[in-house]
Protein backbone atom coordinates (compact mmCIF):
# COMPACT_ATOMS: atom_id res chain seq x y z
CA UNK A 1 -1.66 -48.06 -248.55
CA UNK A 2 -1.51 -47.86 -252.29
CA UNK A 3 -0.65 -45.02 -254.65
CA UNK A 4 0.13 -44.64 -258.36
CA UNK A 5 2.86 -43.12 -260.49
CA UNK A 6 1.59 -40.27 -262.70
CA UNK A 7 2.56 -39.78 -266.35
CA UNK A 8 5.14 -37.26 -265.07
CA UNK A 9 6.68 -39.85 -262.72
CA UNK A 10 5.15 -38.23 -259.64
CA UNK A 11 3.88 -40.18 -256.65
CA UNK A 12 1.44 -38.89 -254.05
CA UNK A 13 2.22 -39.94 -250.49
CA UNK A 14 -1.01 -40.81 -248.64
CA UNK A 15 -2.15 -38.17 -246.13
CA UNK A 16 -1.85 -40.39 -243.03
CA UNK A 17 1.82 -41.10 -243.85
CA UNK A 18 2.57 -37.41 -244.39
CA UNK A 19 0.87 -36.52 -241.11
CA UNK A 20 2.74 -39.18 -239.11
CA UNK A 21 6.07 -37.90 -240.42
CA UNK A 22 5.11 -34.22 -240.26
CA UNK A 23 5.87 -33.77 -243.96
CA UNK A 24 4.93 -30.49 -245.61
CA UNK A 25 5.04 -29.45 -249.30
CA UNK A 26 8.64 -28.89 -250.37
CA UNK A 27 10.18 -31.09 -247.66
CA UNK A 28 13.22 -32.97 -249.03
CA UNK A 29 13.26 -36.78 -249.25
CA UNK A 30 16.15 -39.14 -249.98
CA UNK A 31 15.24 -41.86 -252.51
CA UNK A 32 17.10 -45.15 -252.93
CA UNK A 33 16.58 -48.73 -254.08
CA UNK A 34 16.72 -51.53 -251.53
CA UNK A 35 16.21 -55.06 -252.79
CA UNK A 36 13.80 -54.05 -255.55
CA UNK A 37 11.90 -51.58 -253.36
CA UNK A 38 11.94 -47.80 -253.49
CA UNK A 39 12.68 -46.33 -250.06
CA UNK A 40 11.92 -42.66 -249.38
CA UNK A 41 13.44 -41.17 -246.24
CA UNK A 42 12.75 -37.63 -245.02
CA UNK A 43 15.95 -35.59 -244.78
CA UNK A 44 16.21 -34.28 -241.29
CA UNK A 45 15.83 -30.58 -241.02
CA UNK A 46 17.08 -28.48 -238.19
CA UNK A 47 15.29 -29.65 -235.06
CA UNK A 48 12.62 -27.35 -233.73
CA UNK A 49 13.20 -25.94 -230.33
CA UNK A 50 10.18 -26.44 -228.11
CA UNK A 51 9.29 -23.77 -225.60
CA UNK A 52 6.55 -22.98 -223.12
CA UNK A 53 4.24 -20.08 -223.95
CA UNK A 54 0.98 -18.73 -222.52
CA UNK A 55 -2.10 -19.56 -224.58
CA UNK A 56 -3.79 -16.21 -225.28
CA UNK A 57 -7.28 -17.75 -225.14
CA UNK A 58 -6.98 -19.77 -221.94
CA UNK A 59 -4.09 -18.08 -220.13
CA UNK A 60 -2.59 -21.52 -219.50
CA UNK A 61 1.00 -22.53 -220.18
CA UNK A 62 1.37 -24.70 -223.29
CA UNK A 63 4.28 -26.37 -225.06
CA UNK A 64 4.89 -25.20 -228.64
CA UNK A 65 7.39 -25.99 -231.36
CA UNK A 66 6.41 -22.88 -233.35
CA UNK A 67 4.53 -22.26 -236.58
CA UNK A 68 4.64 -25.06 -239.11
CA UNK A 69 5.23 -27.73 -236.47
CA UNK A 70 3.15 -30.88 -237.01
CA UNK A 71 -0.12 -30.93 -235.13
CA UNK A 72 -0.61 -34.12 -233.15
CA UNK A 73 -4.04 -35.67 -233.04
CA UNK A 74 -5.50 -36.93 -229.76
CA UNK A 75 -4.78 -40.57 -230.72
CA UNK A 76 -1.12 -39.76 -231.42
CA UNK A 77 -0.72 -37.97 -228.07
CA UNK A 78 -2.29 -40.92 -226.23
CA UNK A 79 0.12 -43.28 -228.00
CA UNK A 80 3.13 -41.17 -227.04
CA UNK A 81 1.98 -40.87 -223.43
CA UNK A 82 1.27 -44.62 -223.19
CA UNK A 83 4.98 -45.26 -223.85
CA UNK A 84 6.10 -42.69 -221.26
CA UNK A 85 7.41 -44.30 -218.06
């Protein structure tokens, strides 16, 4: 994926990358140079604690990590489950 540097030195991270990493506006990133490349690494925030709640619409138990947690798309869930033993 390609992006550009603005006149203010800003860079927009492509949406698919932000989604995969669960990045939201204001999330901190570490920036460093590695062999002529710029490497951005998300700073780890406090881990979310997942819990089981009852979905008010269906009445079924669901797993949640709370508001603001990244929403996984069907393809991502299938990928995660395909690696599960």
